[in-house]
Each structure stands twice: as C-alpha cells, then as structure tokens.
C-alpha cells in the first residue's frame, strides 16, 4: 500500500474532523417528534408556572410539620455571663450593721458581686389547646388546597399548550395551501408567458398573472414565518429552549372533531377543579371559625426548668463548679383561662360566618358560570363544525371552478380576467377554510375545558 504524504494526511484528518462536526451538528439539530400528549407531559415537568405551584404544594406539606411542631416539647438552653465593671449599690439602714448607729443613718452596700453567671435548661409541653388541633387540621386542608391549585395550573397550562399545538397544526395546513397556490400560479405564469411569446395572449394577461404570483410569493414567505413563530410560541409555553427543533407527530387528519354526547349528559360539577378549590376554601373558612370558637376554652401546658447560678468577686472562682455554682430546679403546670378580650373573638366569629355565607354565594355563581360556559362552548363548537364543513365544500367547489376556467382559458374560449377572478375566489375559499379550521379546533378545546376533560389530572376528588 502506498504511504500517504504529509499533506494528504492533513487533508484526511481535516475531512474526518469536518465530517464529525457536520454529523454532530446534524444530530443536535435533529427535530424531536412530539405528539400533543408529549408536549403536555414535557410542559408539566418544565413549565415554570406548573413548577412553582408544585413548589407551593411542597411548602404546604412543610407547613404541616411546622404546625405539628407546636405540640412537641419545646426545649431551650440559656447561659448568661455578667461582668459588673461598676456595681450598682443600694442604701441600707446603718443600724443593720452597727446597732449603735442612728435610725436616720444609711450605708451604701454593693447590690451584686462583680462576676455573675446563670445557666438554665427549660422545657415546655403543650397538654391541651383547642387551637392547636384545629390548626393541625387546617394545615392539612391548606396542603389539599395547594394540590388543587397545582392541578388548576396544570389545566390552565394544558389549555394554552393544546391551543398552541393546534395553532401550529393549522399553520402547517395554511402553509401547504399557500405553497400549492404558489406552485399553481408559477405554472400558470410560465404557460401565460409562453402564450404571449407566441402571440396568443396580450401583455396585460401576463401582468395580471404576475400580480397574483407576486402576492403568492409574499404569502408563502409570510406563511413560513408565521409557522416558525407558532412553533416558538409552543416551545415557549412548554418551557422548552427555543433553539430546540421539534416536529408535530400529528396532523389535522388525526383530529376527532366529534365529542361524546354521553360525556355532556353525565357532566358533574366536580369534574371542574374550580369546584374542588372552592370546597377546600370553604373547609378552611369553617376551620377558621372553629379555631376562633375554641379560643374560649382554657389551655394547659407543663413546664420544667433546671439551672445553676454563681456570683463572685474573684474571676478564678467563676469556674469552681463544685462550690460556687448553686443548683436549682422547678416544674409545674400552667393553666390559661380566657375571661374577657373586649369581644374580639365574638367579632372574629361573626366575620367567619359572613365569609362562609359569601362562599356559599360563590358556589351558586360558579355553577351558573360553568353552566353558561358549557352551553356557550357547545354552541360555538356546533357552529364552528357546521361552518367548517361548509367552507371545506366551498373550497372544493372553488377549486373545480378554477380548474374549469383554466381549461377554458387554455383552449381559448375563456378570458384571462375570468381566470384571475377564479383564482382569487379559490384563495379566498382557502382562507375561509383555514380560519374555520382554526376556530373549530379552538372551540373543541373550549368544550373539553368546560367539561373538565382537558387534562387527565384535572380532578377535584
């Protein structure tokens, strides 16, 4: 085998490196194929709103531990060292020290010794407090509310993701229609130019087609940008890096535009997470009422303290734990009986009852709102499906009219103006179909949300 020269070796190495770079870049930019379910799953793991509500849920779980800790022994240690650089003095009758002194004579006596120390170990244990038990239950209920808030955020985000996904899907259809129009007009323009060059048509005929072709070219560029922006919006709402290339795994043909009438007939308000949130809020209000009521009940706690203290004028004696430090200790029970607080608790109870009445009214409003939302969503969806079918048929008819007009024009029995008008009518029918398709998909999402079926975790139970 003939040995390669140094230059050839360098070229070979460079080619290998370049091939590896191109291969790596191509792999890095390879699109990830995502279905709607994949997008939702990715979003629930990475979207910041969902992640924050999940953190709120964890914080609520930690709050249960915080509340529970109030019922556990509370133990504290304390050590105090004092060095009196100027000792406070007190005036005592001199007769205490000198029986011969007069009653109106006083002597200044140091109030303390120079070095003082005190060490204590104290413990308290709550034995009975109605507010503690209510608060513990309230913390668990608050955790339940945080979980429902997390589910609500998932439902809201699922609505955004689904609509963004359908927007990309519709824009892909729109781009394909625009591309078809561009190719059709490109072919028609070349045919018309050929006819003009052979003297069969006038220059104005070429110009009319050229105008339509120019518009189609602009619309094609615009359609590409719109599709790119819709992909960016989808990735942004998913919490995905915008540089990541993705591709939809589904198309319009995979969409089932019908909804199950049984799901509408068996609809239950509890399918909507908003009902669950309001129920939990009411439970919290009831617990707040109960907490203010049990504050009339006495509380009992136990306490104990162990300690030792020292006082000396000699620093060396401060560390003499055998003789100078004096031990002491105590334990006992503490009973607190609320007697009168200016009717504060009474007013708090009144506020709690008013809040419960407001929540009951909110239940009525929420159910009426859900009824209206569901009725409106069903009506809009039915109208959008009917309009979609009509526009799809109109688009097919407009295409047939264009093809027939084109054949007549090519055979010399039709005018160029009729052809341009037929093309404009065809594109208008395509635009109407495009808009109807988008409206139908959005209405489908609204119906699923109204039924509480938009996201499989959206349950209030």
Protein backbone atom coordinates (compact mmCIF):
# COMPACT_ATOMS: atom_id res chain seq x y z
CA UNK A 1 0.00 0.00 0.00
CA UNK A 2 1.37 3.41 -0.94
CA UNK A 3 2.03 5.69 2.06
CA UNK A 4 0.18 9.00 2.11
CA UNK A 5 2.16 12.21 2.07
CA UNK A 6 2.10 14.65 4.98
CA UNK A 7 -0.21 16.99 3.07
CA UNK A 8 -2.58 14.15 2.25
CA UNK A 9 -2.60 13.09 5.92
CA UNK A 10 -3.57 16.62 6.98
CA UNK A 11 -6.33 16.73 4.40
CA UNK A 12 -7.63 13.35 5.55
CA UNK A 13 -7.63 14.39 9.21
CA UNK A 14 -9.36 17.64 8.32
CA UNK A 15 -12.01 15.78 6.34
CA UNK A 16 -12.65 13.40 9.23
CA UNK A 17 -12.96 16.28 11.70
CA UNK A 18 -15.31 18.17 9.38
CA UNK A 19 -17.44 15.08 8.84
CA UNK A 20 -17.64 14.51 12.59
CA UNK A 21 -18.64 18.17 13.13
CA UNK A 22 -21.31 18.05 10.44
CA UNK A 23 -22.62 14.76 11.84
CA UNK A 24 -22.73 16.16 15.38
CA UNK A 25 -24.46 19.35 14.24
CA UNK A 26 -27.00 17.41 12.25
CA UNK A 27 -27.67 15.18 15.24
CA UNK A 28 -28.03 18.18 17.56
CA UNK A 29 -30.50 19.83 15.19
CA UNK A 30 -32.47 16.65 14.50
CA UNK A 31 -36.12 17.52 15.24
CA UNK A 32 -37.83 15.90 18.18
CA UNK A 33 -41.19 14.48 17.14
CA UNK A 34 -43.80 15.46 19.72
CA UNK A 35 -47.43 14.47 19.97
CA UNK A 36 -49.86 16.64 21.91
CA UNK A 37 -49.58 14.25 24.83
CA UNK A 38 -45.78 14.50 24.68
CA UNK A 39 -45.98 18.30 24.74
CA UNK A 40 -48.27 18.21 27.76
CA UNK A 41 -46.01 15.78 29.60
CA UNK A 42 -42.93 17.89 28.87
CA UNK A 43 -44.75 21.02 29.97
CA UNK A 44 -45.87 19.54 33.29
CA UNK A 45 -42.22 18.83 34.10
CA UNK A 46 -40.62 22.05 32.84
CA UNK A 47 -43.12 24.91 32.63
CA UNK A 48 -42.31 27.48 35.33
CA UNK A 49 -45.91 28.14 36.37
CA UNK A 50 -46.54 24.45 36.99
CA UNK A 51 -43.21 24.06 38.76
CA UNK A 52 -43.96 27.00 41.05
CA UNK A 53 -47.36 25.62 42.06
CA UNK A 54 -45.67 22.28 42.71
CA UNK A 55 -43.23 24.09 45.00
CA UNK A 56 -46.22 25.73 46.72
CA UNK A 57 -47.61 22.26 47.30
CA UNK A 58 -44.33 21.14 48.87
CA UNK A 59 -44.24 24.26 51.02
CA UNK A 60 -47.76 23.46 52.25
CA UNK A 61 -46.59 19.97 53.22
CA UNK A 62 -43.74 21.53 55.18
CA UNK A 63 -46.25 23.84 56.87
CA UNK A 64 -47.99 20.78 58.33
CA UNK A 65 -44.73 19.86 60.03
CA UNK A 66 -44.35 23.42 61.26
CA UNK A 67 -47.81 23.32 62.85
CA UNK A 68 -47.23 19.87 64.32
CA UNK A 69 -44.01 21.06 65.98
CA UNK A 70 -46.02 23.36 68.26
CA UNK A 71 -47.40 20.26 70.01
CA UNK A 72 -43.96 18.73 70.60
CA UNK A 73 -41.71 19.54 73.59
CA UNK A 74 -40.05 22.93 73.33
CA UNK A 75 -36.57 22.77 74.90
CA UNK A 76 -34.22 25.73 75.31
CA UNK A 77 -30.82 26.19 76.88
CA UNK A 78 -29.56 29.56 78.09
CA UNK A 79 -26.28 30.74 79.55
CA UNK A 80 -25.61 34.24 80.84
CA UNK A 81 -22.32 35.78 82.00
CA UNK A 82 -22.15 39.27 83.55
CA UNK A 83 -19.10 41.33 84.48
CA UNK A 84 -20.04 44.42 86.51
CA UNK A 85 -17.33 47.00 85.84
CA UNK A 86 -19.38 49.35 88.05
CA UNK A 87 -21.53 47.53 90.58
CA UNK A 88 -24.89 49.01 91.41
CA UNK A 89 -25.27 49.87 95.12
CA UNK A 90 -28.25 50.13 97.43
CA UNK A 91 -28.70 52.27 100.58
CA UNK A 92 -29.49 50.21 103.66
CA UNK A 93 -30.03 51.43 107.25
CA UNK A 94 -26.71 51.56 109.09
CA UNK A 95 -28.30 50.02 112.16
CA UNK A 96 -28.30 46.68 110.34
CA UNK A 97 -24.52 46.63 110.55
CA UNK A 98 -23.97 48.83 113.64
CA UNK A 99 -26.52 48.66 116.50
CA UNK A 100 -25.23 51.97 117.78
CA UNK A 101 -25.98 53.80 114.56
CA UNK A 102 -28.86 56.22 114.33
CA UNK A 103 -32.12 55.38 112.59
CA UNK A 104 -31.57 58.14 110.07
CA UNK A 105 -28.15 56.85 109.02
CA UNK A 106 -27.64 54.78 105.86
CA UNK A 107 -24.72 52.97 104.29
CA UNK A 108 -24.11 52.14 100.61
CA UNK A 109 -23.91 48.39 100.01
CA UNK A 110 -22.99 46.70 96.67
CA UNK A 111 -26.10 45.28 95.04
CA UNK A 112 -24.22 42.40 93.42
CA UNK A 113 -20.82 40.80 93.10
CA UNK A 114 -18.52 41.56 90.19
CA UNK A 115 -18.88 38.24 88.31
CA UNK A 116 -22.26 36.61 87.84
CA UNK A 117 -23.33 33.58 85.86
CA UNK A 118 -26.59 31.76 85.20
CA UNK A 119 -27.22 28.58 83.18
CA UNK A 120 -30.73 27.17 82.58
CA UNK A 121 -32.31 24.29 80.72
CA UNK A 122 -36.06 24.74 80.29
CA UNK A 123 -38.74 22.64 78.66
CA UNK A 124 -42.45 23.21 77.97
CA UNK A 125 -45.03 20.75 76.71
CA UNK A 126 -48.46 21.67 75.43
CA UNK A 127 -51.05 19.41 77.08
CA UNK A 128 -54.27 20.85 75.73
CA UNK A 129 -55.05 23.66 73.31
CA UNK A 130 -58.09 23.51 71.06
CA UNK A 131 -56.49 25.90 68.58
CA UNK A 132 -53.56 23.51 68.12
CA UNK A 133 -55.71 20.62 66.95
CA UNK A 134 -57.77 22.85 64.69
CA UNK A 135 -54.59 24.40 63.29
CA UNK A 136 -53.14 20.97 62.54
CA UNK A 137 -56.24 20.05 60.56
CA UNK A 138 -56.20 23.44 58.83
CA UNK A 139 -52.59 22.88 57.73
CA UNK A 140 -53.59 19.57 56.13
CA UNK A 141 -56.53 21.25 54.43
CA UNK A 142 -54.24 24.03 53.21
CA UNK A 143 -51.99 21.37 51.69
CA UNK A 144 -55.04 19.95 49.91
CA UNK A 145 -55.84 23.43 48.56
CA UNK A 146 -52.25 23.79 47.32
CA UNK A 147 -52.61 20.47 45.50
CA UNK A 148 -55.81 21.65 43.85
CA UNK A 149 -54.15 24.93 42.89
CA UNK A 150 -51.39 22.86 41.30
CA UNK A 151 -53.96 20.90 39.31
CA UNK A 152 -55.67 24.15 38.27
CA UNK A 153 -52.36 25.47 36.96
CA UNK A 154 -51.91 22.23 35.02
CA UNK A 155 -55.35 22.63 33.45
CA UNK A 156 -54.69 26.26 32.52
CA UNK A 157 -51.32 25.41 31.02
CA UNK A 158 -52.80 22.40 29.21
CA UNK A 159 -55.31 24.74 27.58
CA UNK A 160 -52.51 27.04 26.37
CA UNK A 161 -50.39 24.15 25.12
CA UNK A 162 -53.28 22.48 23.32
CA UNK A 163 -54.29 25.69 21.58
CA UNK A 164 -50.67 26.43 20.67
CA UNK A 165 -50.26 22.89 19.33
CA UNK A 166 -53.40 23.20 17.23
CA UNK A 167 -52.20 26.61 16.01
CA UNK A 168 -49.01 25.03 14.69
CA UNK A 169 -51.07 22.28 13.10
CA UNK A 170 -53.37 24.78 11.36
CA UNK A 171 -50.45 26.94 10.23
CA UNK A 172 -48.88 23.88 8.64
CA UNK A 173 -52.10 23.36 6.69
CA UNK A 174 -52.12 27.04 5.76
CA UNK A 175 -48.51 26.89 4.58
CA UNK A 176 -49.26 23.84 2.48
CA UNK A 177 -52.23 25.62 0.88
CA UNK A 178 -50.06 28.69 0.23
CA UNK A 179 -47.32 26.53 -1.27
CA UNK A 180 -49.88 24.86 -3.55
CA UNK A 181 -51.14 28.27 -4.66
CA UNK A 182 -47.58 29.40 -5.37
CA UNK A 183 -46.82 26.33 -7.45
CA UNK A 184 -50.11 26.64 -9.33
CA UNK A 185 -49.55 30.30 -10.16
CA UNK A 186 -45.92 29.66 -11.08
CA UNK A 187 -47.04 27.06 -13.60
CA UNK A 188 -49.81 29.32 -14.86
CA UNK A 189 -47.43 32.28 -15.22
CA UNK A 190 -45.00 30.23 -17.31
CA UNK A 191 -47.83 29.00 -19.51
CA UNK A 192 -49.18 32.52 -19.99
CA UNK A 193 -45.75 33.86 -20.88
CA UNK A 194 -45.35 31.11 -23.46
CA UNK A 195 -48.74 32.02 -24.94
CA UNK A 196 -47.73 35.68 -25.01
CA UNK A 197 -44.46 34.93 -26.76
CA UNK A 198 -46.40 33.03 -29.42
CA UNK A 199 -48.89 35.86 -29.84
CA UNK A 200 -51.94 34.14 -28.38
CA UNK A 201 -52.46 36.50 -25.42
CA UNK A 202 -51.76 40.11 -24.64
CA UNK A 203 -49.18 41.58 -22.27
CA UNK A 204 -51.94 42.60 -19.84
CA UNK A 205 -52.81 38.93 -19.40
CA UNK A 206 -49.25 38.19 -18.31
CA UNK A 207 -49.29 41.16 -15.94
CA UNK A 208 -52.49 40.00 -14.25
CA UNK A 209 -51.00 36.59 -13.55
CA UNK A 210 -47.73 38.19 -12.48
CA UNK A 211 -49.55 40.25 -9.84
CA UNK A 212 -51.20 37.14 -8.45
CA UNK A 213 -47.90 35.28 -8.48
CA UNK A 214 -46.11 38.09 -6.62
CA UNK A 215 -48.78 38.05 -3.92
CA UNK A 216 -48.49 34.27 -3.65
CA UNK A 217 -44.71 34.57 -3.25
CA UNK A 218 -45.12 37.09 -0.44
CA UNK A 219 -47.79 34.95 1.22
CA UNK A 220 -45.50 31.93 1.05
CA UNK A 221 -42.70 33.79 2.89
CA UNK A 222 -45.20 35.13 5.38
CA UNK A 223 -46.63 31.65 5.94
CA UNK A 224 -43.18 30.26 6.72
CA UNK A 225 -42.54 32.99 9.27
CA UNK A 226 -45.96 32.55 10.86
CA UNK A 227 -45.37 28.80 11.18
CA UNK A 228 -41.94 29.41 12.70
CA UNK A 229 -43.39 31.87 15.23
CA UNK A 230 -46.15 29.42 16.16
CA UNK A 231 -43.51 26.77 16.86
CA UNK A 232 -41.62 29.28 19.02
CA UNK A 233 -44.80 30.07 20.95
CA UNK A 234 -45.46 26.37 21.53
CA UNK A 235 -41.92 25.78 22.81
CA UNK A 236 -42.06 28.90 24.98
CA UNK A 237 -45.28 27.80 26.65
CA UNK A 238 -43.88 24.29 27.12
CA UNK A 239 -40.82 25.68 28.88
CA UNK A 240 -38.57 24.24 26.17
CA UNK A 241 -35.43 26.00 24.89
CA UNK A 242 -36.40 27.94 21.76
CA UNK A 243 -33.33 26.61 19.96
CA UNK A 244 -34.63 23.04 20.15
CA UNK A 245 -36.12 21.89 16.84
CA UNK A 246 -39.39 19.97 17.17
CA UNK A 247 -41.90 18.49 14.79
CA UNK A 248 -45.54 17.58 15.30
CA UNK A 249 -46.33 13.88 15.36
CA UNK A 250 -49.97 14.50 14.42
CA UNK A 251 -51.84 16.20 11.63
CA UNK A 252 -55.32 17.51 11.05
CA UNK A 253 -56.39 14.10 9.79
CA UNK A 254 -55.72 12.65 13.25
CA UNK A 255 -58.15 15.03 14.98
CA UNK A 256 -61.54 13.72 16.02
CA UNK A 257 -63.88 16.69 15.84
CA UNK A 258 -66.78 14.88 17.48
CA UNK A 259 -67.38 14.83 21.22
CA UNK A 260 -69.27 12.22 23.15
CA UNK A 261 -72.82 13.30 23.95
CA UNK A 262 -72.71 10.92 26.93
CA UNK A 263 -69.96 12.99 28.50
CA UNK A 264 -72.17 16.06 28.24
CA UNK A 265 -75.21 14.27 29.63
CA UNK A 266 -73.27 12.82 32.58
CA UNK A 267 -71.37 16.02 33.33
CA UNK A 268 -70.80 16.62 37.02
CA UNK A 269 -69.69 19.90 38.54
CA UNK A 270 -66.98 18.02 40.42
CA UNK A 271 -65.26 17.39 37.09
CA UNK A 272 -64.23 21.03 37.27
CA UNK A 273 -61.27 21.72 39.52
CA UNK A 274 -62.69 25.16 40.37
CA UNK A 275 -65.43 23.43 42.37
CA UNK A 276 -62.84 21.47 44.32
CA UNK A 277 -60.86 24.62 45.02
CA UNK A 278 -63.93 26.42 46.36
CA UNK A 279 -64.92 23.43 48.51
CA UNK A 280 -61.47 23.35 50.09
CA UNK A 281 -61.60 27.10 50.63
CA UNK A 282 -64.90 26.63 52.46
CA UNK A 283 -63.35 23.92 54.64
CA UNK A 284 -60.58 26.34 55.58
CA UNK A 285 -63.15 29.02 56.46
CA UNK A 286 -65.02 26.52 58.64
CA UNK A 287 -61.80 25.59 60.41
CA UNK A 288 -61.04 29.27 60.98
CA UNK A 289 -64.49 29.65 62.55
CA UNK A 290 -63.89 26.62 64.76
CA UNK A 291 -60.48 27.94 65.75
CA UNK A 292 -61.97 31.23 66.97
CA UNK A 293 -64.67 29.33 68.87
CA UNK A 294 -62.24 27.02 70.71
CA UNK A 295 -60.22 30.01 71.88
CA UNK A 296 -62.84 30.34 74.63
CA UNK A 297 -61.56 27.03 76.07
CA UNK A 298 -58.69 27.12 78.62
CA UNK A 299 -55.25 25.88 77.59
CA UNK A 300 -52.96 23.69 79.71
CA UNK A 301 -49.21 23.28 79.44
CA UNK A 302 -46.44 21.78 81.56
CA UNK A 303 -43.06 23.33 82.18
CA UNK A 304 -39.78 22.43 83.88
CA UNK A 305 -36.53 24.29 84.47
CA UNK A 306 -33.10 23.17 85.66
CA UNK A 307 -30.44 25.77 86.38
CA UNK A 308 -27.43 26.92 88.31
CA UNK A 309 -26.09 30.36 89.16
CA UNK A 310 -22.95 31.88 90.56
CA UNK A 311 -21.84 35.26 91.99
CA UNK A 312 -18.27 36.06 92.99
CA UNK A 313 -15.76 38.87 93.13
CA UNK A 314 -12.92 36.57 92.05
CA UNK A 315 -12.75 35.53 88.42
CA UNK A 316 -10.94 32.30 89.33
CA UNK A 317 -13.92 31.24 91.44
CA UNK A 318 -16.27 31.61 88.48
CA UNK A 319 -15.22 28.20 87.15
CA UNK A 320 -15.44 26.46 90.52
CA UNK A 321 -18.49 24.35 89.71
CA UNK A 322 -18.21 22.24 92.85
CA UNK A 323 -18.65 25.00 95.46
CA UNK A 324 -19.55 28.32 93.90
CA UNK A 325 -22.31 27.26 91.50
CA UNK A 326 -25.69 26.73 93.17
CA UNK A 327 -28.24 24.39 91.56
CA UNK A 328 -31.95 24.98 91.39
CA UNK A 329 -34.90 23.43 89.59
CA UNK A 330 -38.66 23.57 89.26
CA UNK A 331 -41.60 22.09 87.37
CA UNK A 332 -45.26 22.88 87.18
CA UNK A 333 -48.46 23.27 85.20
CA UNK A 334 -49.78 26.41 83.60
CA UNK A 335 -53.49 26.95 83.09
CA UNK A 336 -54.65 29.88 80.98
CA UNK A 337 -58.32 30.79 81.20
CA UNK A 338 -59.58 33.45 78.77
CA UNK A 339 -62.02 35.70 80.58
CA UNK A 340 -62.65 38.86 78.56
CA UNK A 341 -60.95 40.20 75.46
CA UNK A 342 -63.24 43.07 74.59
CA UNK A 343 -65.48 40.74 72.49
CA UNK A 344 -62.67 40.33 69.96
CA UNK A 345 -63.29 36.60 69.45
CA UNK A 346 -67.01 37.23 69.10
CA UNK A 347 -66.42 39.65 66.23
CA UNK A 348 -63.99 37.23 64.60
CA UNK A 349 -66.66 34.51 64.70
CA UNK A 350 -69.14 36.90 63.07
CA UNK A 351 -66.64 37.61 60.30
CA UNK A 352 -66.10 33.87 59.77
CA UNK A 353 -69.83 33.25 59.39
CA UNK A 354 -70.14 36.10 56.91
CA UNK A 355 -67.23 34.65 54.93
CA UNK A 356 -68.96 31.24 54.82
CA UNK A 357 -72.12 32.89 53.51
CA UNK A 358 -70.09 34.62 50.82
CA UNK A 359 -68.51 31.32 49.79
CA UNK A 360 -71.95 29.71 49.56
CA UNK A 361 -73.00 32.53 47.24
CA UNK A 362 -69.82 31.97 45.25
CA UNK A 363 -70.85 28.33 44.75
CA UNK A 364 -74.07 29.50 43.14
CA UNK A 365 -72.24 31.98 40.92
CA UNK A 366 -69.60 29.41 39.92
CA UNK A 367 -72.15 26.76 38.98
CA UNK A 368 -74.12 29.28 36.91
CA UNK A 369 -70.88 30.37 35.27
CA UNK A 370 -69.99 26.76 34.43
CA UNK A 371 -73.48 26.16 33.01
CA UNK A 372 -73.14 29.21 30.78
CA UNK A 373 -69.59 28.34 29.77
CA UNK A 374 -70.60 24.80 28.80
CA UNK A 375 -73.67 25.95 26.87
CA UNK A 376 -71.66 28.61 25.03
CA UNK A 377 -68.81 26.19 24.26
CA UNK A 378 -71.23 23.57 22.90
CA UNK A 379 -72.99 26.17 20.76
CA UNK A 380 -69.75 27.65 19.43
CA UNK A 381 -68.38 24.21 18.65
CA UNK A 382 -71.52 23.14 16.81
CA UNK A 383 -71.48 26.37 14.80
CA UNK A 384 -67.78 26.08 14.03
CA UNK A 385 -68.14 22.48 12.82
CA UNK A 386 -71.05 23.46 10.59
CA UNK A 387 -69.09 26.40 9.22
CA UNK A 388 -66.01 24.22 8.71
CA UNK A 389 -67.94 21.68 6.65
CA UNK A 390 -69.42 24.47 4.54
CA UNK A 391 -66.04 26.13 3.92
CA UNK A 392 -64.41 22.80 3.09
CA UNK A 393 -67.09 22.20 0.46
CA UNK A 394 -66.76 25.77 -0.81
CA UNK A 395 -63.02 25.31 -1.20
CA UNK A 396 -63.53 22.16 -3.26
CA UNK A 397 -66.12 23.91 -5.42
CA UNK A 398 -63.86 26.94 -5.89
CA UNK A 399 -61.05 24.62 -6.97
CA UNK A 400 -63.30 22.94 -9.50
CA UNK A 401 -64.35 26.35 -10.84
CA UNK A 402 -60.71 27.40 -11.17
CA UNK A 403 -59.70 24.21 -12.96
CA UNK A 404 -62.62 24.51 -15.38
CA UNK A 405 -61.84 28.20 -16.02
CA UNK A 406 -58.19 27.34 -16.57
CA UNK A 407 -59.06 24.69 -19.15
CA UNK A 408 -61.37 27.13 -20.96
CA UNK A 409 -58.60 29.72 -20.96
CA UNK A 410 -56.04 27.28 -22.33
CA UNK A 411 -58.46 26.27 -25.08
CA UNK A 412 -59.05 29.90 -26.00
CA UNK A 413 -62.72 30.04 -25.03
CA UNK A 414 -62.23 31.82 -21.71
CA UNK A 415 -60.77 35.18 -20.75
CA UNK A 416 -57.72 35.86 -18.64
CA UNK A 417 -59.80 38.08 -16.35
CA UNK A 418 -62.15 35.18 -15.58
CA UNK A 419 -59.13 33.04 -14.72
CA UNK A 420 -57.72 35.63 -12.33
CA UNK A 421 -61.11 36.07 -10.68
CA UNK A 422 -61.47 32.28 -10.29
CA UNK A 423 -58.01 32.13 -8.73
CA UNK A 424 -58.88 34.92 -6.28
CA UNK A 425 -62.12 33.18 -5.35
CA UNK A 426 -60.22 29.93 -4.81
CA UNK A 427 -57.70 31.61 -2.50
CA UNK A 428 -60.49 33.35 -0.60
CA UNK A 429 -62.19 29.98 -0.10
CA UNK A 430 -58.90 28.57 1.16
CA UNK A 431 -58.54 31.43 3.63
CA UNK A 432 -62.10 30.90 4.87
CA UNK A 433 -61.41 27.19 5.31
CA UNK A 434 -58.16 27.96 7.13
CA UNK A 435 -59.94 30.30 9.58
CA UNK A 436 -62.83 27.86 10.04
CA UNK A 437 -60.40 25.06 10.81
CA UNK A 438 -58.65 27.15 13.46
CA UNK A 439 -61.97 28.22 15.04
CA UNK A 440 -63.19 24.61 15.16
CA UNK A 441 -60.04 23.42 16.92
CA UNK A 442 -60.16 26.24 19.47
CA UNK A 443 -63.86 25.56 20.09
CA UNK A 444 -63.01 21.88 20.62
CA UNK A 445 -60.52 22.85 23.34
CA UNK A 446 -63.12 25.12 24.98
CA UNK A 447 -65.66 22.28 25.10
CA UNK A 448 -63.14 19.90 26.66
CA UNK A 449 -62.22 22.51 29.25
CA UNK A 450 -65.88 23.25 30.04
CA UNK A 451 -66.47 19.51 30.58
CA UNK A 452 -63.40 19.24 32.82
CA UNK A 453 -61.76 16.78 30.41
CA UNK A 454 -58.92 18.89 29.08
CA UNK A 455 -56.22 17.31 31.22
CA UNK A 456 -56.42 13.86 32.77
CA UNK A 457 -55.21 15.10 36.18
CA UNK A 458 -57.91 17.76 36.41
CA UNK A 459 -59.98 16.12 39.08
CA UNK A 460 -61.20 17.72 42.24
CA UNK A 461 -61.53 14.50 44.13
